[in-house]
Structures are given as structure tokens and as C-alpha cells.
Amino acid sequence: MGLECKKNGTVFLFYLSGELDHHSCIPIREELDKVICHYHVKRVIFDFSAVSFMDSAGIGLLLGRYREIAKFGGKCVILCESEKIKKILQMGSVQLVMPIVETKQEAYEKLGGTENGTI
């Protein structure tokens, strides 16, 4: 599992790749929490484009980070093109708190801005 963090204006993009399971979630959670707490992150895109497998630990990871970001009045969006991963997210009812979109442009729009402009 890999994690890459980038910032575009006021939006943090967290690119996840590989398998998101019980073992890989621990270091990912620790790194995400450091960034979220240090920068008081309010707008996040979780990019699942390169995630090949996810189980319930991945859902827990997302929902836990959502709670932290919501403490700061923030919003999260999940960018996911894979039908398999979307189905897992939907089975965990993640879409009830975070929209699931298929393009970066949609993700930025859900956060109230555009990819090329600041929010």
C-alpha cells in the first residue's frame, strides 16, 4: 500500500495505491493523522484510482479520518473509478458522509471549487 500527499490550494489530495487492508491501514492512518492534525485539513480528496483491493479496515480508515476532518468543519470526497472498490464503499455506506465521484473535476466541484482555482 502506498500513500502520497499533495496540496493544491486549500485542498489536500491523498493518493492511495495497492491493497488497503488491516495490515496496511495502520501506517497509512498514522501518516494521514499527522498531516490532518498538523495542517488542520478542511478539504480532502481521497484518490482511490490506484487501489486494487480494500476490505472493512479501509472503510474504518476513511470514516475515522472523516471524523477528524469534520472536527475542523471540513469536507471529504472519494475519487474512485473502480466498480469493485465503489461497491465495497457503498456496502459500508461511506457515500452517506462522503460523496464518491469518478473524476477530479467532480471532486473539486463537490468541495466548492475547481481543480485550477483555489477554494
PDB file of N, CA and C in Angstrom:
ATOM      1  N   MET A   1       0.850  -1.177   0.000  1.00  0.00           N
ATOM      2  CA  MET A   1       0.000   0.000   0.000  1.00  0.00           C
ATOM      3  C   MET A   1       0.883   1.223   0.000  1.00  0.00           C
ATOM      4  N   GLY A   2       0.487   2.191  -0.776  1.00  0.00           N
ATOM      5  CA  GLY A   2       1.239   3.424  -0.826  1.00  0.00           C
ATOM      6  C   GLY A   2       0.355   4.612  -0.540  1.00  0.00           C
ATOM      7  N   LEU A   3       0.973   5.681  -0.064  1.00  0.00           N
ATOM      8  CA  LEU A   3       0.279   6.932   0.201  1.00  0.00           C
ATOM      9  C   LEU A   3       1.153   8.073  -0.264  1.00  0.00           C
ATOM     10  N   GLU A   4       0.544   8.970  -1.022  1.00  0.00           N
ATOM     11  CA  GLU A   4       1.218  10.189  -1.448  1.00  0.00           C
ATOM     12  C   GLU A   4       0.293  11.345  -1.118  1.00  0.00           C
ATOM     13  N   CYS A   5       0.836  12.362  -0.478  1.00  0.00           N
ATOM     14  CA  CYS A   5       0.044  13.537  -0.097  1.00  0.00           C
ATOM     15  C   CYS A   5       0.489  14.734  -0.923  1.00  0.00           C
ATOM     16  N   LYS A   6      -0.487  15.438  -1.477  1.00  0.00           N
ATOM     17  CA  LYS A   6      -0.208  16.665  -2.230  1.00  0.00           C
ATOM     18  C   LYS A   6      -1.212  17.719  -1.805  1.00  0.00           C
ATOM     19  N   LYS A   7      -0.821  18.975  -1.967  1.00  0.00           N
ATOM     20  CA  LYS A   7      -1.713  20.078  -1.635  1.00  0.00           C
ATOM     21  C   LYS A   7      -1.902  20.933  -2.873  1.00  0.00           C
ATOM     22  N   ASN A   8      -3.149  21.272  -3.158  1.00  0.00           N
ATOM     23  CA  ASN A   8      -3.492  22.135  -4.290  1.00  0.00           C
ATOM     24  C   ASN A   8      -4.398  23.234  -3.744  1.00  0.00           C
ATOM     25  N   GLY A   9      -3.839  24.401  -3.504  1.00  0.00           N
ATOM     26  CA  GLY A   9      -4.622  25.465  -2.869  1.00  0.00           C
ATOM     27  C   GLY A   9      -4.962  25.057  -1.455  1.00  0.00           C
ATOM     28  N   THR A  10      -6.244  24.996  -1.147  1.00  0.00           N
ATOM     29  CA  THR A  10      -6.672  24.587   0.189  1.00  0.00           C
ATOM     30  C   THR A  10      -7.099  23.118   0.229  1.00  0.00           C
ATOM     31  N   VAL A  11      -6.896  22.411  -0.861  1.00  0.00           N
ATOM     32  CA  VAL A  11      -7.314  21.008  -0.949  1.00  0.00           C
ATOM     33  C   VAL A  11      -6.101  20.090  -0.793  1.00  0.00           C
ATOM     34  N   PHE A  12      -6.255  19.109   0.085  1.00  0.00           N
ATOM     35  CA  PHE A  12      -5.251  18.067   0.226  1.00  0.00           C
ATOM     36  C   PHE A  12      -5.713  16.858  -0.572  1.00  0.00           C
ATOM     37  N   LEU A  13      -4.804  16.334  -1.386  1.00  0.00           N
ATOM     38  CA  LEU A  13      -5.090  15.133  -2.167  1.00  0.00           C
ATOM     39  C   LEU A  13      -4.278  14.002  -1.570  1.00  0.00           C
ATOM     40  N   PHE A  14      -4.968  12.957  -1.152  1.00  0.00           N
ATOM     41  CA  PHE A  14      -4.321  11.775  -0.611  1.00  0.00           C
ATOM     42  C   PHE A  14      -4.481  10.652  -1.627  1.00  0.00           C
ATOM     43  N   TYR A  15      -3.372  10.336  -2.319  1.00  0.00           N
ATOM     44  CA  TYR A  15      -3.364   9.285  -3.330  1.00  0.00           C
ATOM     45  C   TYR A  15      -3.018   7.963  -2.654  1.00  0.00           C
ATOM     46  N   LEU A  16      -3.929   7.028  -2.708  1.00  0.00           N
ATOM     47  CA  LEU A  16      -3.704   5.704  -2.129  1.00  0.00           C
ATOM     48  C   LEU A  16      -3.506   4.711  -3.263  1.00  0.00           C
ATOM     49  N   SER A  17      -2.638   3.721  -3.040  1.00  0.00           N
ATOM     50  CA  SER A  17      -2.402   2.721  -4.084  1.00  0.00           C
ATOM     51  C   SER A  17      -2.164   1.356  -3.460  1.00  0.00           C
ATOM     52  N   GLY A  18      -2.413   0.326  -4.254  1.00  0.00           N
ATOM     53  CA  GLY A  18      -2.189  -1.040  -3.807  1.00  0.00           C
ATOM     54  C   GLY A  18      -3.362  -1.583  -3.009  1.00  0.00           C
ATOM     55  N   GLU A  19      -3.051  -2.418  -2.014  1.00  0.00           N
ATOM     56  CA  GLU A  19      -4.082  -3.056  -1.209  1.00  0.00           C
ATOM     57  C   GLU A  19      -4.285  -2.309   0.111  1.00  0.00           C
ATOM     58  N   LEU A  20      -5.528  -2.045   0.430  1.00  0.00           N
ATOM     59  CA  LEU A  20      -5.872  -1.334   1.660  1.00  0.00           C
ATOM     60  C   LEU A  20      -6.572  -2.331   2.579  1.00  0.00           C
ATOM     61  N   ASP A  21      -5.774  -2.948   3.467  1.00  0.00           N
ATOM     62  CA  ASP A  21      -6.319  -3.959   4.376  1.00  0.00           C
ATOM     63  C   ASP A  21      -5.845  -3.683   5.801  1.00  0.00           C
ATOM     64  N   HIS A  22      -6.142  -4.604   6.708  1.00  0.00           N
ATOM     65  CA  HIS A  22      -5.827  -4.410   8.124  1.00  0.00           C
ATOM     66  C   HIS A  22      -4.355  -4.055   8.345  1.00  0.00           C
ATOM     67  N   HIS A  23      -3.458  -4.741   7.680  1.00  0.00           N
ATOM     68  CA  HIS A  23      -2.024  -4.526   7.898  1.00  0.00           C
ATOM     69  C   HIS A  23      -1.541  -3.205   7.308  1.00  0.00           C
ATOM     70  N   SER A  24      -2.013  -2.857   6.148  1.00  0.00           N
ATOM     71  CA  SER A  24      -1.527  -1.633   5.505  1.00  0.00           C
ATOM     72  C   SER A  24      -2.192  -0.380   6.068  1.00  0.00           C
ATOM     73  N   CYS A  25      -3.347  -0.522   6.704  1.00  0.00           N
ATOM     74  CA  CYS A  25      -4.075   0.648   7.218  1.00  0.00           C
ATOM     75  C   CYS A  25      -3.368   1.340   8.379  1.00  0.00           C
ATOM     76  N   ILE A  26      -2.634   0.589   9.173  1.00  0.00           N
ATOM     77  CA  ILE A  26      -2.011   1.178  10.368  1.00  0.00           C
ATOM     78  C   ILE A  26      -1.028   2.295  10.012  1.00  0.00           C
ATOM     79  N   PRO A  27      -0.012   2.045   9.168  1.00  0.00           N
ATOM     80  CA  PRO A  27       0.907   3.148   8.845  1.00  0.00           C
ATOM     81  C   PRO A  27       0.232   4.252   8.033  1.00  0.00           C
ATOM     82  N   ILE A  28      -0.736   3.899   7.198  1.00  0.00           N
ATOM     83  CA  ILE A  28      -1.459   4.913   6.413  1.00  0.00           C
ATOM     84  C   ILE A  28      -2.232   5.825   7.355  1.00  0.00           C
ATOM     85  N   ARG A  29      -2.939   5.238   8.319  1.00  0.00           N
ATOM     86  CA  ARG A  29      -3.711   6.023   9.292  1.00  0.00           C
ATOM     87  C   ARG A  29      -2.801   6.970  10.065  1.00  0.00           C
ATOM     88  N   GLU A  30      -1.660   6.477  10.511  1.00  0.00           N
ATOM     89  CA  GLU A  30      -0.728   7.304  11.277  1.00  0.00           C
ATOM     90  C   GLU A  30      -0.251   8.500  10.457  1.00  0.00           C
ATOM     91  N   GLU A  31       0.098   8.260   9.206  1.00  0.00           N
ATOM     92  CA  GLU A  31       0.574   9.345   8.344  1.00  0.00           C
ATOM     93  C   GLU A  31      -0.539  10.356   8.049  1.00  0.00           C
ATOM     94  N   LEU A  32      -1.732   9.852   7.721  1.00  0.00           N
ATOM     95  CA  LEU A  32      -2.857  10.753   7.459  1.00  0.00           C
ATOM     96  C   LEU A  32      -3.173  11.600   8.680  1.00  0.00           C
ATOM     97  N   ASP A  33      -3.190  10.989   9.862  1.00  0.00           N
ATOM     98  CA  ASP A  33      -3.499  11.732  11.085  1.00  0.00           C
ATOM     99  C   ASP A  33      -2.485  12.835  11.346  1.00  0.00           C
ATOM    100  N   LYS A  34      -1.199  12.561  11.072  1.00  0.00           N
ATOM    101  CA  LYS A  34      -0.165  13.585  11.243  1.00  0.00           C
ATOM    102  C   LYS A  34      -0.461  14.798  10.369  1.00  0.00           C
ATOM    103  N   VAL A  35      -0.744  14.539   9.102  1.00  0.00           N
ATOM    104  CA  VAL A  35      -0.995  15.630   8.152  1.00  0.00           C
ATOM    105  C   VAL A  35      -2.278  16.373   8.523  1.00  0.00           C
ATOM    106  N   ILE A  36      -3.352  15.632   8.789  1.00  0.00           N
ATOM    107  CA  ILE A  36      -4.645  16.241   9.101  1.00  0.00           C
ATOM    108  C   ILE A  36      -4.555  17.118  10.337  1.00  0.00           C
ATOM    109  N   CYS A  37      -3.923  16.619  11.388  1.00  0.00           N
ATOM    110  CA  CYS A  37      -3.832  17.386  12.630  1.00  0.00           C
ATOM    111  C   CYS A  37      -2.853  18.549  12.523  1.00  0.00           C
ATOM    112  N   HIS A  38      -1.731  18.338  11.867  1.00  0.00           N
ATOM    113  CA  HIS A  38      -0.729  19.400  11.750  1.00  0.00           C
ATOM    114  C   HIS A  38      -1.241  20.590  10.949  1.00  0.00           C
ATOM    115  N   TYR A  39      -1.930  20.306   9.846  1.00  0.00           N
ATOM    116  CA  TYR A  39      -2.392  21.378   8.956  1.00  0.00           C
ATOM    117  C   TYR A  39      -3.853  21.760   9.163  1.00  0.00           C
ATOM    118  N   HIS A  40      -4.530  21.127  10.110  1.00  0.00           N
ATOM    119  CA  HIS A  40      -5.966  21.358  10.323  1.00  0.00           C
ATOM    120  C   HIS A  40      -6.710  21.301   8.990  1.00  0.00           C
ATOM    121  N   VAL A  41      -6.516  20.200   8.313  1.00  0.00           N
ATOM    122  CA  VAL A  41      -7.049  19.979   6.968  1.00  0.00           C
ATOM    123  C   VAL A  41      -8.576  20.087   6.972  1.00  0.00           C
ATOM    124  N   LYS A  42      -9.103  20.857   6.003  1.00  0.00           N
ATOM    125  CA  LYS A  42     -10.551  21.046   5.905  1.00  0.00           C
ATOM    126  C   LYS A  42     -11.155  20.535   4.604  1.00  0.00           C
ATOM    127  N   ARG A  43     -10.343  20.351   3.577  1.00  0.00           N
ATOM    128  CA  ARG A  43     -10.856  19.881   2.293  1.00  0.00           C
ATOM    129  C   ARG A  43      -9.940  18.778   1.784  1.00  0.00           C
ATOM    130  N   VAL A  44     -10.550  17.600   1.552  1.00  0.00           N
ATOM    131  CA  VAL A  44      -9.746  16.428   1.187  1.00  0.00           C
ATOM    132  C   VAL A  44     -10.373  15.671   0.033  1.00  0.00           C
ATOM    133  N   ILE A  45      -9.497  15.225  -0.859  1.00  0.00           N
ATOM    134  CA  ILE A  45      -9.870  14.249  -1.882  1.00  0.00           C
ATOM    135  C   ILE A  45      -9.056  12.999  -1.596  1.00  0.00           C
ATOM    136  N   PHE A  46      -9.751  11.907  -1.313  1.00  0.00           N
ATOM    137  CA  PHE A  46      -9.110  10.603  -1.192  1.00  0.00           C
ATOM    138  C   PHE A  46      -9.166   9.965  -2.574  1.00  0.00           C
ATOM    139  N   ASP A  47      -8.017   9.841  -3.224  1.00  0.00           N
ATOM    140  CA  ASP A  47      -7.961   9.286  -4.578  1.00  0.00           C
ATOM    141  C   ASP A  47      -7.685   7.782  -4.510  1.00  0.00           C
ATOM    142  N   PHE A  48      -8.701   6.999  -4.866  1.00  0.00           N
ATOM    143  CA  PHE A  48      -8.614   5.548  -4.834  1.00  0.00           C
ATOM    144  C   PHE A  48      -8.368   4.960  -6.227  1.00  0.00           C
ATOM    145  N   SER A  49      -7.937   5.774  -7.172  1.00  0.00           N
ATOM    146  CA  SER A  49      -7.743   5.318  -8.549  1.00  0.00           C
ATOM    147  C   SER A  49      -6.784   4.144  -8.659  1.00  0.00           C
ATOM    148  N   ALA A  50      -5.798   4.076  -7.782  1.00  0.00           N
ATOM    149  CA  ALA A  50      -4.787   3.026  -7.869  1.00  0.00           C
ATOM    150  C   ALA A  50      -4.938   1.966  -6.766  1.00  0.00           C
ATOM    151  N   VAL A  51      -6.073   1.940  -6.082  1.00  0.00           N
ATOM    152  CA  VAL A  51      -6.308   0.918  -5.059  1.00  0.00           C
ATOM    153  C   VAL A  51      -6.846  -0.332  -5.748  1.00  0.00           C
ATOM    154  N   SER A  52      -6.171  -1.461  -5.524  1.00  0.00           N
ATOM    155  CA  SER A  52      -6.561  -2.708  -6.190  1.00  0.00           C
ATOM    156  C   SER A  52      -7.423  -3.606  -5.305  1.00  0.00           C
ATOM    157  N   PHE A  53      -7.345  -3.417  -3.984  1.00  0.00           N
ATOM    158  CA  PHE A  53      -8.126  -4.225  -3.050  1.00  0.00           C
ATOM    159  C   PHE A  53      -8.403  -3.404  -1.807  1.00  0.00           C
ATOM    160  N   MET A  54      -9.584  -3.606  -1.234  1.00  0.00           N
ATOM    161  CA  MET A  54      -9.930  -2.921   0.006  1.00  0.00           C
ATOM    162  C   MET A  54     -10.884  -3.791   0.788  1.00  0.00           C
ATOM    163  N   ASP A  55     -10.717  -3.827   2.117  1.00  0.00           N
ATOM    164  CA  ASP A  55     -11.656  -4.542   2.962  1.00  0.00           C
ATOM    165  C   ASP A  55     -12.237  -3.578   3.999  1.00  0.00           C
ATOM    166  N   SER A  56     -12.880  -4.100   5.018  1.00  0.00           N
ATOM    167  CA  SER A  56     -13.549  -3.252   6.003  1.00  0.00           C
ATOM    168  C   SER A  56     -12.577  -2.351   6.759  1.00  0.00           C
ATOM    169  N   ALA A  57     -11.323  -2.738   6.851  1.00  0.00           N
ATOM    170  CA  ALA A  57     -10.332  -1.880   7.504  1.00  0.00           C
ATOM    171  C   ALA A  57     -10.172  -0.570   6.732  1.00  0.00           C
ATOM    172  N   GLY A  58     -10.278  -0.632   5.423  1.00  0.00           N
ATOM    173  CA  GLY A  58     -10.210   0.580   4.604  1.00  0.00           C
ATOM    174  C   GLY A  58     -11.391   1.494   4.858  1.00  0.00           C
ATOM    175  N   ILE A  59     -12.558   0.918   5.048  1.00  0.00           N
ATOM    176  CA  ILE A  59     -13.746   1.712   5.368  1.00  0.00           C
ATOM    177  C   ILE A  59     -13.556   2.393   6.720  1.00  0.00           C
ATOM    178  N   GLY A  60     -13.055   1.647   7.686  1.00  0.00           N
ATOM    179  CA  GLY A  60     -12.785   2.218   9.004  1.00  0.00           C
ATOM    180  C   GLY A  60     -11.771   3.343   8.932  1.00  0.00           C
ATOM    181  N   LEU A  61     -10.744   3.163   8.110  1.00  0.00           N
ATOM    182  CA  LEU A  61      -9.735   4.202   7.917  1.00  0.00           C
ATOM    183  C   LEU A  61     -10.378   5.482   7.400  1.00  0.00           C
ATOM    184  N   LEU A  62     -11.198   5.355   6.371  1.00  0.00           N
ATOM    185  CA  LEU A  62     -11.860   6.526   5.789  1.00  0.00           C
ATOM    186  C   LEU A  62     -12.791   7.215   6.779  1.00  0.00           C
ATOM    187  N   LEU A  63     -13.629   6.445   7.441  1.00  0.00           N
ATOM    188  CA  LEU A  63     -14.602   7.040   8.358  1.00  0.00           C
ATOM    189  C   LEU A  63     -13.915   7.711   9.549  1.00  0.00           C
ATOM    190  N   GLY A  64     -12.839   7.129  10.021  1.00  0.00           N
ATOM    191  CA  GLY A  64     -12.082   7.747  11.112  1.00  0.00           C
ATOM    192  C   GLY A  64     -11.455   9.063  10.699  1.00  0.00           C
ATOM    193  N   ARG A  65     -10.901   9.117   9.485  1.00  0.00           N
ATOM    194  CA  ARG A  65     -10.307  10.372   9.004  1.00  0.00           C
ATOM    195  C   ARG A  65     -11.396  11.407   8.755  1.00  0.00           C
ATOM    196  N   TYR A  66     -12.548  10.950   8.256  1.00  0.00           N
ATOM    197  CA  TYR A  66     -13.674  11.864   8.054  1.00  0.00           C
ATOM    198  C   TYR A  66     -14.051  12.539   9.373  1.00  0.00           C
ATOM    199  N   ARG A  67     -14.127  11.757  10.454  1.00  0.00           N
ATOM    200  CA  ARG A  67     -14.483  12.332  11.758  1.00  0.00           C
ATOM    201  C   ARG A  67     -13.480  13.394  12.182  1.00  0.00           C
ATOM    202  N   GLU A  68     -12.191  13.136  11.955  1.00  0.00           N
ATOM    203  CA  GLU A  68     -11.167  14.112  12.324  1.00  0.00           C
ATOM    204  C   GLU A  68     -11.311  15.395  11.500  1.00  0.00           C
ATOM    205  N   ILE A  69     -11.536  15.257  10.221  1.00  0.00           N
ATOM    206  CA  ILE A  69     -11.660  16.418   9.336  1.00  0.00           C
ATOM    207  C   ILE A  69     -12.940  17.186   9.643  1.00  0.00           C
ATOM    208  N   ALA A  70     -14.010  16.476   9.972  1.00  0.00           N
ATOM    209  CA  ALA A  70     -15.276  17.126  10.314  1.00  0.00           C
ATOM    210  C   ALA A  70     -15.142  17.965  11.584  1.00  0.00           C
ATOM    211  N   LYS A  71     -14.232  17.608  12.478  1.00  0.00           N
ATOM    212  CA  LYS A  71     -13.995  18.407  13.691  1.00  0.00           C
ATOM    213  C   LYS A  71     -13.591  19.833  13.334  1.00  0.00           C
ATOM    214  N   PHE A  72     -12.904  19.994  12.207  1.00  0.00           N
ATOM    215  CA  PHE A  72     -12.460  21.303  11.746  1.00  0.00           C
ATOM    216  C   PHE A  72     -13.468  21.939  10.787  1.00  0.00           C
ATOM    217  N   GLY A  73     -14.649  21.330  10.661  1.00  0.00           N
ATOM    218  CA  GLY A  73     -15.665  21.835   9.738  1.00  0.00           C
ATOM    219  C   GLY A  73     -15.361  21.493   8.295  1.00  0.00           C
ATOM    220  N   GLY A  74     -14.601  20.443   8.076  1.00  0.00           N
ATOM    221  CA  GLY A  74     -14.146  20.103   6.735  1.00  0.00           C
ATOM    222  C   GLY A  74     -15.046  19.160   5.972  1.00  0.00           C
ATOM    223  N   LYS A  75     -14.653  18.927   4.717  1.00  0.00           N
ATOM    224  CA  LYS A  75     -15.373  18.058   3.794  1.00  0.00           C
ATOM    225  C   LYS A  75     -14.390  17.082   3.151  1.00  0.00           C
ATOM    226  N   CYS A  76     -14.893  15.912   2.829  1.00  0.00           N
ATOM    227  CA  CYS A  76     -14.097  14.892   2.137  1.00  0.00           C
ATOM    228  C   CYS A  76     -14.859  14.376   0.930  1.00  0.00           C
ATOM    229  N   VAL A  77     -14.105  14.017  -0.092  1.00  0.00           N
ATOM    230  CA  VAL A  77     -14.655  13.404  -1.299  1.00  0.00           C
ATOM    231  C   VAL A  77     -13.768  12.222  -1.655  1.00  0.00           C
ATOM    232  N   ILE A  78     -14.384  11.171  -2.170  1.00  0.00           N
ATOM    233  CA  ILE A  78     -13.629   9.995  -2.607  1.00  0.00           C
ATOM    234  C   ILE A  78     -13.655   9.943  -4.127  1.00  0.00           C
ATOM    235  N   LEU A  79     -12.482   9.892  -4.720  1.00  0.00           N
ATOM    236  CA  LEU A  79     -12.341   9.745  -6.167  1.00  0.00           C
ATOM    237  C   LEU A  79     -12.083   8.267  -6.449  1.00  0.00           C
ATOM    238  N   CYS A  80     -13.015   7.626  -7.141  1.00  0.00           N
ATOM    239  CA  CYS A  80     -12.906   6.187  -7.366  1.00  0.00           C
ATOM    240  C   CYS A  80     -13.572   5.821  -8.688  1.00  0.00           C
ATOM    241  N   GLU A  81     -12.811   5.208  -9.571  1.00  0.00           N
ATOM    242  CA  GLU A  81     -13.342   4.760 -10.858  1.00  0.00           C
ATOM    243  C   GLU A  81     -13.678   3.277 -10.851  1.00  0.00           C
ATOM    244  N   SER A  82     -13.063   2.507  -9.989  1.00  0.00           N
ATOM    245  CA  SER A  82     -13.237   1.055  -9.953  1.00  0.00           C
ATOM    246  C   SER A  82     -14.610   0.676  -9.399  1.00  0.00           C
ATOM    247  N   GLU A  83     -15.359  -0.066 -10.182  1.00  0.00           N
ATOM    248  CA  GLU A  83     -16.682  -0.514  -9.732  1.00  0.00           C
ATOM    249  C   GLU A  83     -16.560  -1.442  -8.523  1.00  0.00           C
ATOM    250  N   LYS A  84     -15.516  -2.253  -8.513  1.00  0.00           N
ATOM    251  CA  LYS A  84     -15.297  -3.187  -7.405  1.00  0.00           C
ATOM    252  C   LYS A  84     -15.079  -2.427  -6.089  1.00  0.00           C
ATOM    253  N   ILE A  85     -14.229  -1.424  -6.113  1.00  0.00           N
ATOM    254  CA  ILE A  85     -13.949  -0.640  -4.899  1.00  0.00           C
ATOM    255  C   ILE A  85     -15.167   0.204  -4.521  1.00  0.00           C
ATOM    256  N   LYS A  86     -15.851   0.771  -5.516  1.00  0.00           N
ATOM    257  CA  LYS A  86     -17.076   1.543  -5.231  1.00  0.00           C
ATOM    258  C   LYS A  86     -18.114   0.688  -4.523  1.00  0.00           C
ATOM    259  N   LYS A  87     -18.245  -0.543  -4.960  1.00  0.00           N
ATOM    260  CA  LYS A  87     -19.224  -1.440  -4.351  1.00  0.00           C
ATOM    261  C   LYS A  87     -18.890  -1.686  -2.877  1.00  0.00           C
ATOM    262  N   ILE A  88     -17.621  -1.871  -2.568  1.00  0.00           N
ATOM    263  CA  ILE A  88     -17.199  -2.061  -1.175  1.00  0.00           C
ATOM    264  C   ILE A  88     -17.509  -0.810  -0.361  1.00  0.00           C
ATOM    265  N   LEU A  89     -17.212   0.355  -0.920  1.00  0.00           N
ATOM    266  CA  LEU A  89     -17.505   1.619  -0.229  1.00  0.00           C
ATOM    267  C   LEU A  89     -19.008   1.768   0.019  1.00  0.00           C
ATOM    268  N   GLN A  90     -19.804   1.418  -0.973  1.00  0.00           N
ATOM    269  CA  GLN A  90     -21.255   1.540  -0.840  1.00  0.00           C
ATOM    270  C   GLN A  90     -21.812   0.526   0.161  1.00  0.00           C
ATOM    271  N   MET A  91     -21.246  -0.669   0.212  1.00  0.00           N
ATOM    272  CA  MET A  91     -21.691  -1.659   1.196  1.00  0.00           C
ATOM    273  C   MET A  91     -21.420  -1.159   2.615  1.00  0.00           C
ATOM    274  N   GLY A  92     -20.386  -0.358   2.776  1.00  0.00           N
ATOM    275  CA  GLY A  92     -20.065   0.235   4.072  1.00  0.00           C
ATOM    276  C   GLY A  92     -20.767   1.558   4.308  1.00  0.00           C
ATOM    277  N   SER A  93     -21.656   1.952   3.390  1.00  0.00           N
ATOM    278  CA  SER A  93     -22.437   3.203   3.475  1.00  0.00           C
ATOM    279  C   SER A  93     -21.579   4.459   3.574  1.00  0.00           C
ATOM    280  N   VAL A  94     -20.371   4.399   3.046  1.00  0.00           N
ATOM    281  CA  VAL A  94     -19.455   5.543   3.083  1.00  0.00           C
ATOM    282  C   VAL A  94     -20.039   6.741   2.338  1.00  0.00           C
ATOM    283  N   GLN A  95     -20.809   6.473   1.268  1.00  0.00           N
ATOM    284  CA  GLN A  95     -21.366   7.561   0.458  1.00  0.00           C
ATOM    285  C   GLN A  95     -22.359   8.422   1.240  1.00  0.00           C
ATOM    286  N   LEU A  96     -22.799   7.973   2.395  1.00  0.00           N
ATOM    287  CA  LEU A  96     -23.713   8.773   3.216  1.00  0.00           C
ATOM    288  C   LEU A  96     -23.013   9.969   3.856  1.00  0.00           C
ATOM    289  N   VAL A  97     -21.690   9.887   4.029  1.00  0.00           N
ATOM    290  CA  VAL A  97     -20.950  11.002   4.628  1.00  0.00           C
ATOM    291  C   VAL A  97     -19.935  11.629   3.684  1.00  0.00           C
ATOM    292  N   MET A  98     -19.522  10.887   2.651  1.00  0.00           N
ATOM    293  CA  MET A  98     -18.556  11.400   1.685  1.00  0.00           C
ATOM    294  C   MET A  98     -19.010  11.035   0.282  1.00  0.00           C
ATOM    295  N   PRO A  99     -19.168  12.017  -0.593  1.00  0.00           N
ATOM    296  CA  PRO A  99     -19.545  11.687  -1.969  1.00  0.00           C
ATOM    297  C   PRO A  99     -18.458  10.848  -2.645  1.00  0.00           C
ATOM    298  N   ILE A 100     -18.893   9.947  -3.502  1.00  0.00           N
ATOM    299  CA  ILE A 100     -17.979   9.145  -4.315  1.00  0.00           C
ATOM    300  C   ILE A 100     -18.133   9.625  -5.755  1.00  0.00           C
ATOM    301  N   VAL A 101     -17.037  10.090  -6.343  1.00  0.00           N
ATOM    302  CA  VAL A 101     -17.079  10.637  -7.696  1.00  0.00           C
ATOM    303  C   VAL A 101     -16.064   9.905  -8.575  1.00  0.00           C
ATOM    304  N   GLU A 102     -16.175  10.127  -9.901  1.00  0.00           N
ATOM    305  CA  GLU A 102     -15.309   9.420 -10.845  1.00  0.00           C
ATOM    306  C   GLU A 102     -14.232  10.289 -11.480  1.00  0.00           C
ATOM    307  N   THR A 103     -14.296  11.609 -11.312  1.00  0.00           N
ATOM    308  CA  THR A 103     -13.281  12.482 -11.907  1.00  0.00           C
ATOM    309  C   THR A 103     -12.788  13.509 -10.892  1.00  0.00           C
ATOM    310  N   LYS A 104     -11.562  13.991 -11.122  1.00  0.00           N
ATOM    311  CA  LYS A 104     -11.017  15.034 -10.250  1.00  0.00           C
ATOM    312  C   LYS A 104     -11.870  16.289 -10.299  1.00  0.00           C
ATOM    313  N   GLN A 105     -12.348  16.633 -11.489  1.00  0.00           N
ATOM    314  CA  GLN A 105     -13.167  17.831 -11.628  1.00  0.00           C
ATOM    315  C   GLN A 105     -14.416  17.729 -10.748  1.00  0.00           C
ATOM    316  N   GLU A 106     -15.071  16.581 -10.769  1.00  0.00           N
ATOM    317  CA  GLU A 106     -16.242  16.375  -9.904  1.00  0.00           C
ATOM    318  C   GLU A 106     -15.862  16.514  -8.435  1.00  0.00           C
ATOM    319  N   ALA A 107     -14.708  15.979  -8.075  1.00  0.00           N
ATOM    320  CA  ALA A 107     -14.254  16.036  -6.682  1.00  0.00           C
ATOM    321  C   ALA A 107     -14.080  17.489  -6.248  1.00  0.00           C
ATOM    322  N   TYR A 108     -13.404  18.287  -7.081  1.00  0.00           N
ATOM    323  CA  TYR A 108     -13.215  19.701  -6.741  1.00  0.00           C
ATOM    324  C   TYR A 108     -14.550  20.445  -6.678  1.00  0.00           C
ATOM    325  N   GLU A 109     -15.457  20.128  -7.577  1.00  0.00           N
ATOM    326  CA  GLU A 109     -16.771  20.777  -7.561  1.00  0.00           C
ATOM    327  C   GLU A 109     -17.529  20.457  -6.279  1.00  0.00           C
ATOM    328  N   LYS A 110     -17.437  19.208  -5.800  1.00  0.00           N
ATOM    329  CA  LYS A 110     -18.109  18.815  -4.559  1.00  0.00           C
ATOM    330  C   LYS A 110     -17.537  19.579  -3.359  1.00  0.00           C
ATOM    331  N   LEU A 111     -16.269  19.983  -3.485  1.00  0.00           N
ATOM    332  CA  LEU A 111     -15.632  20.748  -2.407  1.00  0.00           C
ATOM    333  C   LEU A 111     -15.846  22.257  -2.567  1.00  0.00           C
ATOM    334  N   GLY A 112     -16.530  22.637  -3.639  1.00  0.00           N
ATOM    335  CA  GLY A 112     -16.874  24.041  -3.827  1.00  0.00           C
ATOM    336  C   GLY A 112     -15.915  24.841  -4.670  1.00  0.00           C
ATOM    337  N   GLY A 113     -15.112  24.212  -5.507  1.00  0.00           N
ATOM    338  CA  GLY A 113     -14.162  24.957  -6.339  1.00  0.00           C
ATOM    339  C   GLY A 113     -13.824  24.200  -7.599  1.00  0.00           C
ATOM    340  N   THR A 114     -12.701  24.576  -8.204  1.00  0.00           N
ATOM    341  CA  THR A 114     -12.229  23.912  -9.414  1.00  0.00           C
ATOM    342  C   THR A 114     -10.794  23.467  -9.212  1.00  0.00           C
ATOM    343  N   GLU A 115     -10.384  22.509 -10.015  1.00  0.00           N
ATOM    344  CA  GLU A 115      -9.026  21.986  -9.903  1.00  0.00           C
ATOM    345  C   GLU A 115      -7.976  23.059 -10.166  1.00  0.00           C
ATOM    346  N   ASN A 116      -8.269  23.991 -11.058  1.00  0.00           N
ATOM    347  CA  ASN A 116      -7.303  25.023 -11.423  1.00  0.00           C
ATOM    348  C   ASN A 116      -7.373  26.272 -10.552  1.00  0.00           C
ATOM    349  N   GLY A 117      -8.433  26.377  -9.759  1.00  0.00           N
ATOM    350  CA  GLY A 117      -8.575  27.553  -8.917  1.00  0.00           C
ATOM    351  C   GLY A 117      -8.565  27.193  -7.460  1.00  0.00           C
ATOM    352  N   THR A 118      -8.428  28.178  -6.629  1.00  0.00           N
ATOM    353  CA  THR A 118      -8.436  27.915  -5.197  1.00  0.00           C
ATOM    354  C   THR A 118      -9.866  27.915  -4.683  1.00  0.00           C
ATOM    355  N   ILE A 119     -10.041  27.287  -3.590  1.00  0.00           N
ATOM    356  CA  ILE A 119     -11.362  27.198  -2.971  1.00  0.00           C
ATOM    357  C   ILE A 119     -11.437  28.169  -1.824  1.00  0.00           C
TER     358      ILE A 119
END
